[in-house]
Amino acid sequence: MTGIQAAIFDMDGLLIDSEPLWQDAELACFRPLGVPITREICRESAGRRIDEVVRLWHDRFGWDGPSCKDMVERVLAEVTRLIMERCEALPGVHATMNDLKNRGIPMAIASSSPPALIEAVVEKLALREYLQLTHSGIHEKHSKPDPAVFLTTARKLGAAPENCLVFEDAPAGVTAAHRARMRVVAVPSVFDPTDPAFRQADQVLESLREFTLEDWL
C-alpha cells in the first residue's frame, strides 16, 4: 500500500450508527430541563466533544439546576447504555479492517468520545484484534475540526501525517484530517453528502462496504 503507513478511524457514525443514539440521549437529558434542543440542533454539533457541546448549549439556552459537568456525565451514561443495548457494527467495518490487517497496516481509532465509551464500543464490536491503539479527543485542547486528535494518533502510531489514511463520516472530522495533511475517505452517515466539507476528502463512499483497498495500492 504505497505511502500509507497507518489507518485511523473515527468512531461515532462510522463504525457504529451512534449519531441517532447521541441525539436520543441528549434529548432525554436536556428536554426535562426545558432546553429547546432538536435533532437538527444536535446534528449541528455532531463530531464535537460532548463537554464542548454542553457548554455551547448552556451559553445559548441556559438552564437551572445541574452543572455542565453533571450534564456531560448524564449524557454519557445514557448514550453508553443505548450503544451497549442497540448498536452493531456498520456494514463493511470488519471487512475493511481485516483487509488492512492482512496488508500489515496498523490501525487506530481517533474519536471525540471519552476513552471509556471508545473502549466499550471496541469490546462491543470485537475490534481489539485490529487496533494498535485508541485515542480520545478529550485529551486534546481543541476538538475536531482541529487536527490535534489525528496528529497525536499518528505520532503514537509512528506514522507521518501525510502517510495516514483517515476514515471519517462527519464534516468536522474530514476537515480535521485535511488540516492534518492526511488522506481522507469520507463516509457520510447522517450528514448531507453535498456538504462542502466533503470536497476535502480524497474519496466519498456511501458505506465502508464500497471501500476497495486496491484503490490505494
C-alpha atoms as a PDB file:
ATOM      1  CA  MET A   1       0.000   0.000   0.000  1.00  0.00           C
ATOM      2  CA  THR A   2       2.265   2.705  -1.294  1.00  0.00           C
ATOM      3  CA  GLY A   3       2.741   5.652   1.036  1.00  0.00           C
ATOM      4  CA  ILE A   4       0.141   4.509   3.588  1.00  0.00           C
ATOM      5  CA  GLN A   5       1.743   3.767   6.946  1.00  0.00           C
ATOM      6  CA  ALA A   6      -1.378   3.726   9.112  1.00  0.00           C
ATOM      7  CA  ALA A   7      -5.176   3.863   9.017  1.00  0.00           C
ATOM      8  CA  ILE A   8      -7.125   5.969  11.500  1.00  0.00           C
ATOM      9  CA  PHE A   9     -10.843   5.506  12.068  1.00  0.00           C
ATOM     10  CA  ASP A  10     -13.367   7.857  13.571  1.00  0.00           C
ATOM     11  CA  MET A  11     -15.948   6.001  15.678  1.00  0.00           C
ATOM     12  CA  ASP A  12     -19.406   7.557  16.035  1.00  0.00           C
ATOM     13  CA  GLY A  13     -21.331   7.351  12.785  1.00  0.00           C
ATOM     14  CA  LEU A  14     -18.532   5.475  11.037  1.00  0.00           C
ATOM     15  CA  LEU A  15     -18.046   2.236  12.959  1.00  0.00           C
ATOM     16  CA  ILE A  16     -21.425   2.319  14.688  1.00  0.00           C
ATOM     17  CA  ASP A  17     -24.679   4.098  13.901  1.00  0.00           C
ATOM     18  CA  SER A  18     -24.458   6.043  17.134  1.00  0.00           C
ATOM     19  CA  GLU A  19     -25.391   9.545  15.982  1.00  0.00           C
ATOM     20  CA  PRO A  20     -29.155   8.906  16.433  1.00  0.00           C
ATOM     21  CA  LEU A  21     -28.386   7.466  19.873  1.00  0.00           C
ATOM     22  CA  TRP A  22     -26.415  10.555  20.853  1.00  0.00           C
ATOM     23  CA  GLN A  23     -29.436  12.581  19.810  1.00  0.00           C
ATOM     24  CA  ASP A  24     -31.766  10.353  21.853  1.00  0.00           C
ATOM     25  CA  ALA A  25     -29.516  10.723  24.892  1.00  0.00           C
ATOM     26  CA  GLU A  26     -29.183  14.480  24.537  1.00  0.00           C
ATOM     27  CA  LEU A  27     -32.913  14.987  24.088  1.00  0.00           C
ATOM     28  CA  ALA A  28     -33.712  12.713  27.037  1.00  0.00           C
ATOM     29  CA  CYS A  29     -31.314  14.562  29.325  1.00  0.00           C
ATOM     30  CA  PHE A  30     -31.939  18.166  28.280  1.00  0.00           C
ATOM     31  CA  ARG A  31     -35.635  18.412  27.468  1.00  0.00           C
ATOM     32  CA  PRO A  32     -36.725  17.842  31.103  1.00  0.00           C
ATOM     33  CA  LEU A  33     -34.711  20.980  31.928  1.00  0.00           C
ATOM     34  CA  GLY A  34     -36.653  22.990  29.338  1.00  0.00           C
ATOM     35  CA  VAL A  35     -33.720  23.218  26.925  1.00  0.00           C
ATOM     36  CA  PRO A  36     -35.315  23.532  23.442  1.00  0.00           C
ATOM     37  CA  ILE A  37     -32.869  21.369  21.514  1.00  0.00           C
ATOM     38  CA  THR A  38     -33.973  19.414  18.459  1.00  0.00           C
ATOM     39  CA  ARG A  39     -32.427  16.632  16.407  1.00  0.00           C
ATOM     40  CA  GLU A  40     -31.337  19.223  13.853  1.00  0.00           C
ATOM     41  CA  ILE A  41     -29.545  21.214  16.553  1.00  0.00           C
ATOM     42  CA  CYS A  42     -27.900  18.004  17.762  1.00  0.00           C
ATOM     43  CA  ARG A  43     -26.678  17.224  14.239  1.00  0.00           C
ATOM     44  CA  GLU A  44     -25.047  20.637  14.021  1.00  0.00           C
ATOM     45  CA  SER A  45     -22.689  19.685  16.837  1.00  0.00           C
ATOM     46  CA  ALA A  46     -22.009  16.086  15.759  1.00  0.00           C
ATOM     47  CA  GLY A  47     -18.336  15.184  15.863  1.00  0.00           C
ATOM     48  CA  ARG A  48     -17.513  17.618  18.664  1.00  0.00           C
ATOM     49  CA  ARG A  49     -16.675  16.624  22.224  1.00  0.00           C
ATOM     50  CA  ILE A  50     -19.717  16.395  24.460  1.00  0.00           C
ATOM     51  CA  ASP A  51     -18.202  18.783  27.034  1.00  0.00           C
ATOM     52  CA  GLU A  52     -17.899  21.438  24.324  1.00  0.00           C
ATOM     53  CA  VAL A  53     -21.451  20.768  23.149  1.00  0.00           C
ATOM     54  CA  VAL A  54     -22.866  21.091  26.669  1.00  0.00           C
ATOM     55  CA  ARG A  55     -21.030  24.366  27.258  1.00  0.00           C
ATOM     56  CA  LEU A  56     -22.264  25.662  23.904  1.00  0.00           C
ATOM     57  CA  TRP A  57     -25.855  24.865  24.780  1.00  0.00           C
ATOM     58  CA  HIS A  58     -25.508  26.352  28.245  1.00  0.00           C
ATOM     59  CA  ASP A  59     -24.265  29.587  26.717  1.00  0.00           C
ATOM     60  CA  ARG A  60     -27.035  29.509  24.132  1.00  0.00           C
ATOM     61  CA  PHE A  61     -30.020  28.324  26.164  1.00  0.00           C
ATOM     62  CA  GLY A  62     -29.093  28.193  29.835  1.00  0.00           C
ATOM     63  CA  TRP A  63     -30.945  26.092  32.427  1.00  0.00           C
ATOM     64  CA  ASP A  64     -31.497  25.877  36.142  1.00  0.00           C
ATOM     65  CA  GLY A  65     -30.106  23.047  38.210  1.00  0.00           C
ATOM     66  CA  PRO A  66     -27.395  20.636  37.093  1.00  0.00           C
ATOM     67  CA  SER A  67     -23.935  21.917  36.205  1.00  0.00           C
ATOM     68  CA  CYS A  68     -22.382  21.417  32.796  1.00  0.00           C
ATOM     69  CA  LYS A  69     -20.182  18.697  34.295  1.00  0.00           C
ATOM     70  CA  ASP A  70     -23.245  16.899  35.662  1.00  0.00           C
ATOM     71  CA  MET A  71     -24.973  17.091  32.267  1.00  0.00           C
ATOM     72  CA  VAL A  72     -21.936  15.692  30.487  1.00  0.00           C
ATOM     73  CA  GLU A  73     -21.966  12.724  32.845  1.00  0.00           C
ATOM     74  CA  ARG A  74     -25.728  12.215  32.391  1.00  0.00           C
ATOM     75  CA  VAL A  75     -25.499  12.246  28.596  1.00  0.00           C
ATOM     76  CA  LEU A  76     -22.510   9.906  28.579  1.00  0.00           C
ATOM     77  CA  ALA A  77     -24.239   7.449  30.885  1.00  0.00           C
ATOM     78  CA  GLU A  78     -27.353   7.403  28.714  1.00  0.00           C
ATOM     79  CA  VAL A  79     -25.571   7.143  25.358  1.00  0.00           C
ATOM     80  CA  THR A  80     -23.342   4.357  26.685  1.00  0.00           C
ATOM     81  CA  ARG A  81     -26.416   2.460  27.828  1.00  0.00           C
ATOM     82  CA  LEU A  82     -28.075   2.907  24.433  1.00  0.00           C
ATOM     83  CA  ILE A  83     -24.971   1.900  22.483  1.00  0.00           C
ATOM     84  CA  MET A  84     -24.408  -1.248  24.520  1.00  0.00           C
ATOM     85  CA  GLU A  85     -28.088  -2.124  24.175  1.00  0.00           C
ATOM     86  CA  ARG A  86     -28.685  -1.399  20.488  1.00  0.00           C
ATOM     87  CA  CYS A  87     -25.551  -0.893  18.421  1.00  0.00           C
ATOM     88  CA  GLU A  88     -23.901  -3.206  15.933  1.00  0.00           C
ATOM     89  CA  ALA A  89     -21.028  -2.590  13.548  1.00  0.00           C
ATOM     90  CA  LEU A  90     -21.984  -0.714  10.417  1.00  0.00           C
ATOM     91  CA  PRO A  91     -21.639  -2.576   7.097  1.00  0.00           C
ATOM     92  CA  GLY A  92     -18.079  -3.052   5.912  1.00  0.00           C
ATOM     93  CA  VAL A  93     -16.326  -2.271   9.187  1.00  0.00           C
ATOM     94  CA  HIS A  94     -14.843  -5.682   9.884  1.00  0.00           C
ATOM     95  CA  ALA A  95     -14.098  -6.412   6.214  1.00  0.00           C
ATOM     96  CA  THR A  96     -12.207  -3.121   5.840  1.00  0.00           C
ATOM     97  CA  MET A  97     -10.202  -3.646   9.000  1.00  0.00           C
ATOM     98  CA  ASN A  98      -9.460  -7.226   8.058  1.00  0.00           C
ATOM     99  CA  ASP A  99      -8.117  -6.171   4.652  1.00  0.00           C
ATOM    100  CA  LEU A 100      -5.887  -3.544   6.261  1.00  0.00           C
ATOM    101  CA  LYS A 101      -4.672  -6.018   8.879  1.00  0.00           C
ATOM    102  CA  ASN A 102      -3.789  -8.540   6.174  1.00  0.00           C
ATOM    103  CA  ARG A 103      -1.687  -5.850   4.481  1.00  0.00           C
ATOM    104  CA  GLY A 104       0.142  -5.166   7.734  1.00  0.00           C
ATOM    105  CA  ILE A 105      -1.261  -1.646   8.082  1.00  0.00           C
ATOM    106  CA  PRO A 106      -1.515  -0.553  11.739  1.00  0.00           C
ATOM    107  CA  MET A 107      -4.874   0.870  12.777  1.00  0.00           C
ATOM    108  CA  ALA A 108      -6.249   3.158  15.465  1.00  0.00           C
ATOM    109  CA  ILE A 109      -9.479   4.835  16.500  1.00  0.00           C
ATOM    110  CA  ALA A 110      -9.344   8.613  16.990  1.00  0.00           C
ATOM    111  CA  SER A 111     -12.667   9.795  18.365  1.00  0.00           C
ATOM    112  CA  SER A 112     -14.125  12.801  20.144  1.00  0.00           C
ATOM    113  CA  SER A 113     -15.853  10.400  22.538  1.00  0.00           C
ATOM    114  CA  PRO A 114     -14.364   9.782  26.011  1.00  0.00           C
ATOM    115  CA  PRO A 115     -11.983   6.844  26.495  1.00  0.00           C
ATOM    116  CA  ALA A 116     -14.475   4.719  28.435  1.00  0.00           C
ATOM    117  CA  LEU A 117     -17.035   4.946  25.643  1.00  0.00           C
ATOM    118  CA  ILE A 118     -14.423   4.144  22.986  1.00  0.00           C
ATOM    119  CA  GLU A 119     -13.349   1.081  24.930  1.00  0.00           C
ATOM    120  CA  ALA A 120     -16.966  -0.014  25.361  1.00  0.00           C
ATOM    121  CA  VAL A 121     -17.504   0.151  21.607  1.00  0.00           C
ATOM    122  CA  VAL A 122     -14.248  -1.701  20.884  1.00  0.00           C
ATOM    123  CA  GLU A 123     -15.425  -4.526  23.124  1.00  0.00           C
ATOM    124  CA  LYS A 124     -18.995  -4.451  21.816  1.00  0.00           C
ATOM    125  CA  LEU A 125     -17.851  -4.725  18.189  1.00  0.00           C
ATOM    126  CA  ALA A 126     -14.938  -7.099  18.866  1.00  0.00           C
ATOM    127  CA  LEU A 127     -12.364  -4.777  17.291  1.00  0.00           C
ATOM    128  CA  ARG A 128      -9.480  -5.315  19.698  1.00  0.00           C
ATOM    129  CA  GLU A 129      -7.548  -7.632  17.370  1.00  0.00           C
ATOM    130  CA  TYR A 130      -7.374  -4.977  14.657  1.00  0.00           C
ATOM    131  CA  LEU A 131      -6.242  -1.976  16.678  1.00  0.00           C
ATOM    132  CA  GLN A 132      -2.830  -0.857  17.828  1.00  0.00           C
ATOM    133  CA  LEU A 133      -4.353   1.896  19.970  1.00  0.00           C
ATOM    134  CA  THR A 134      -7.270   4.239  20.568  1.00  0.00           C
ATOM    135  CA  HIS A 135      -7.091   7.951  21.292  1.00  0.00           C
ATOM    136  CA  SER A 136      -9.761  10.268  22.642  1.00  0.00           C
ATOM    137  CA  GLY A 137     -10.088  13.914  21.701  1.00  0.00           C
ATOM    138  CA  ILE A 138     -10.921  14.605  25.325  1.00  0.00           C
ATOM    139  CA  HIS A 139      -7.155  14.637  25.906  1.00  0.00           C
ATOM    140  CA  GLU A 140      -6.662  17.435  23.365  1.00  0.00           C
ATOM    141  CA  LYS A 141      -7.067  21.154  23.991  1.00  0.00           C
ATOM    142  CA  HIS A 142      -9.296  21.502  20.929  1.00  0.00           C
ATOM    143  CA  SER A 143     -11.658  19.048  19.263  1.00  0.00           C
ATOM    144  CA  LYS A 144     -12.427  18.442  15.607  1.00  0.00           C
ATOM    145  CA  PRO A 145     -12.250  20.288  13.219  1.00  0.00           C
ATOM    146  CA  ASP A 146      -8.913  20.978  14.919  1.00  0.00           C
ATOM    147  CA  PRO A 147      -6.455  18.308  13.685  1.00  0.00           C
ATOM    148  CA  ALA A 148      -4.916  17.585  17.102  1.00  0.00           C
ATOM    149  CA  VAL A 149      -6.622  14.228  17.739  1.00  0.00           C
ATOM    150  CA  PHE A 150      -5.392  12.867  14.404  1.00  0.00           C
ATOM    151  CA  LEU A 151      -1.880  14.275  14.731  1.00  0.00           C
ATOM    152  CA  THR A 152      -1.446  12.768  18.192  1.00  0.00           C
ATOM    153  CA  THR A 153      -2.746   9.409  16.961  1.00  0.00           C
ATOM    154  CA  ALA A 154      -0.338   9.424  14.018  1.00  0.00           C
ATOM    155  CA  ARG A 155       2.551  10.238  16.318  1.00  0.00           C
ATOM    156  CA  LYS A 156       1.633   7.378  18.648  1.00  0.00           C
ATOM    157  CA  LEU A 157       1.475   5.036  15.649  1.00  0.00           C
ATOM    158  CA  GLY A 158       4.869   6.239  14.443  1.00  0.00           C
ATOM    159  CA  ALA A 159       3.426   7.366  11.104  1.00  0.00           C
ATOM    160  CA  ALA A 160       3.946  10.609   9.214  1.00  0.00           C
ATOM    161  CA  PRO A 161       0.649  12.533   8.814  1.00  0.00           C
ATOM    162  CA  GLU A 162       0.898  12.548   5.022  1.00  0.00           C
ATOM    163  CA  ASN A 163       1.144   8.753   5.109  1.00  0.00           C
ATOM    164  CA  CYS A 164      -2.027   8.237   7.146  1.00  0.00           C
ATOM    165  CA  LEU A 165      -5.417   7.296   5.725  1.00  0.00           C
ATOM    166  CA  VAL A 166      -8.355   8.571   7.769  1.00  0.00           C
ATOM    167  CA  PHE A 167     -11.908   7.224   7.649  1.00  0.00           C
ATOM    168  CA  GLU A 168     -14.491   9.815   8.704  1.00  0.00           C
ATOM    169  CA  ASP A 169     -18.232  10.374   8.489  1.00  0.00           C
ATOM    170  CA  ALA A 170     -18.607  13.957   9.740  1.00  0.00           C
ATOM    171  CA  PRO A 171     -17.733  17.261   8.067  1.00  0.00           C
ATOM    172  CA  ALA A 172     -15.790  18.377  11.151  1.00  0.00           C
ATOM    173  CA  GLY A 173     -13.751  15.188  11.098  1.00  0.00           C
ATOM    174  CA  VAL A 174     -12.996  15.413   7.387  1.00  0.00           C
ATOM    175  CA  THR A 175     -11.834  18.991   7.888  1.00  0.00           C
ATOM    176  CA  ALA A 176      -9.658  17.923  10.833  1.00  0.00           C
ATOM    177  CA  ALA A 177      -7.989  15.168   8.803  1.00  0.00           C
ATOM    178  CA  HIS A 178      -7.480  17.519   5.858  1.00  0.00           C
ATOM    179  CA  ARG A 179      -5.859  20.089   8.145  1.00  0.00           C
ATOM    180  CA  ALA A 180      -3.596  17.330   9.450  1.00  0.00           C
ATOM    181  CA  ARG A 181      -2.442  16.770   5.822  1.00  0.00           C
ATOM    182  CA  MET A 182      -3.791  13.236   5.854  1.00  0.00           C
ATOM    183  CA  ARG A 183      -5.667  11.436   3.124  1.00  0.00           C
ATOM    184  CA  VAL A 184      -9.340  11.032   3.850  1.00  0.00           C
ATOM    185  CA  VAL A 185     -12.096   8.575   2.954  1.00  0.00           C
ATOM    186  CA  ALA A 186     -15.430  10.180   3.829  1.00  0.00           C
ATOM    187  CA  VAL A 187     -18.461   8.022   4.558  1.00  0.00           C
ATOM    188  CA  PRO A 188     -21.311  10.462   5.276  1.00  0.00           C
ATOM    189  CA  SER A 189     -23.867   8.878   7.570  1.00  0.00           C
ATOM    190  CA  VAL A 190     -26.458  11.303   8.889  1.00  0.00           C
ATOM    191  CA  PHE A 191     -24.799  14.165   7.015  1.00  0.00           C
ATOM    192  CA  ASP A 192     -25.636  15.668   3.641  1.00  0.00           C
ATOM    193  CA  PRO A 193     -23.020  14.300   1.202  1.00  0.00           C
ATOM    194  CA  THR A 194     -23.131  17.623  -0.652  1.00  0.00           C
ATOM    195  CA  ASP A 195     -21.760  19.435   2.405  1.00  0.00           C
ATOM    196  CA  PRO A 196     -18.771  21.493   1.174  1.00  0.00           C
ATOM    197  CA  ALA A 197     -16.507  19.894   3.779  1.00  0.00           C
ATOM    198  CA  PHE A 198     -16.679  16.569   1.951  1.00  0.00           C
ATOM    199  CA  ARG A 199     -14.972  18.139  -1.060  1.00  0.00           C
ATOM    200  CA  GLN A 200     -11.788  17.987   1.007  1.00  0.00           C
ATOM    201  CA  ALA A 201     -11.951  14.189   1.043  1.00  0.00           C
ATOM    202  CA  ASP A 202      -9.929  12.077  -1.369  1.00  0.00           C
ATOM    203  CA  GLN A 203     -12.830   9.660  -1.705  1.00  0.00           C
ATOM    204  CA  VAL A 204     -16.500   9.766  -0.687  1.00  0.00           C
ATOM    205  CA  LEU A 205     -18.367   6.486  -0.192  1.00  0.00           C
ATOM    206  CA  GLU A 206     -21.917   5.613   0.772  1.00  0.00           C
ATOM    207  CA  SER A 207     -20.702   2.781   3.009  1.00  0.00           C
ATOM    208  CA  LEU A 208     -17.467   1.118   4.064  1.00  0.00           C
ATOM    209  CA  ARG A 209     -18.677  -1.840   2.016  1.00  0.00           C
ATOM    210  CA  GLU A 210     -17.616   0.216  -1.020  1.00  0.00           C
ATOM    211  CA  PHE A 211     -14.048   0.623   0.202  1.00  0.00           C
ATOM    212  CA  THR A 212     -11.554  -1.170  -2.027  1.00  0.00           C
ATOM    213  CA  LEU A 213      -8.023  -1.454  -0.756  1.00  0.00           C
ATOM    214  CA  GLU A 214      -6.709  -1.822  -4.294  1.00  0.00           C
ATOM    215  CA  ASP A 215      -7.760   1.787  -4.961  1.00  0.00           C
ATOM    216  CA  TRP A 216      -4.956   2.844  -2.628  1.00  0.00           C
ATOM    217  CA  LEU A 217      -2.215   0.495  -3.767  1.00  0.00           C
END
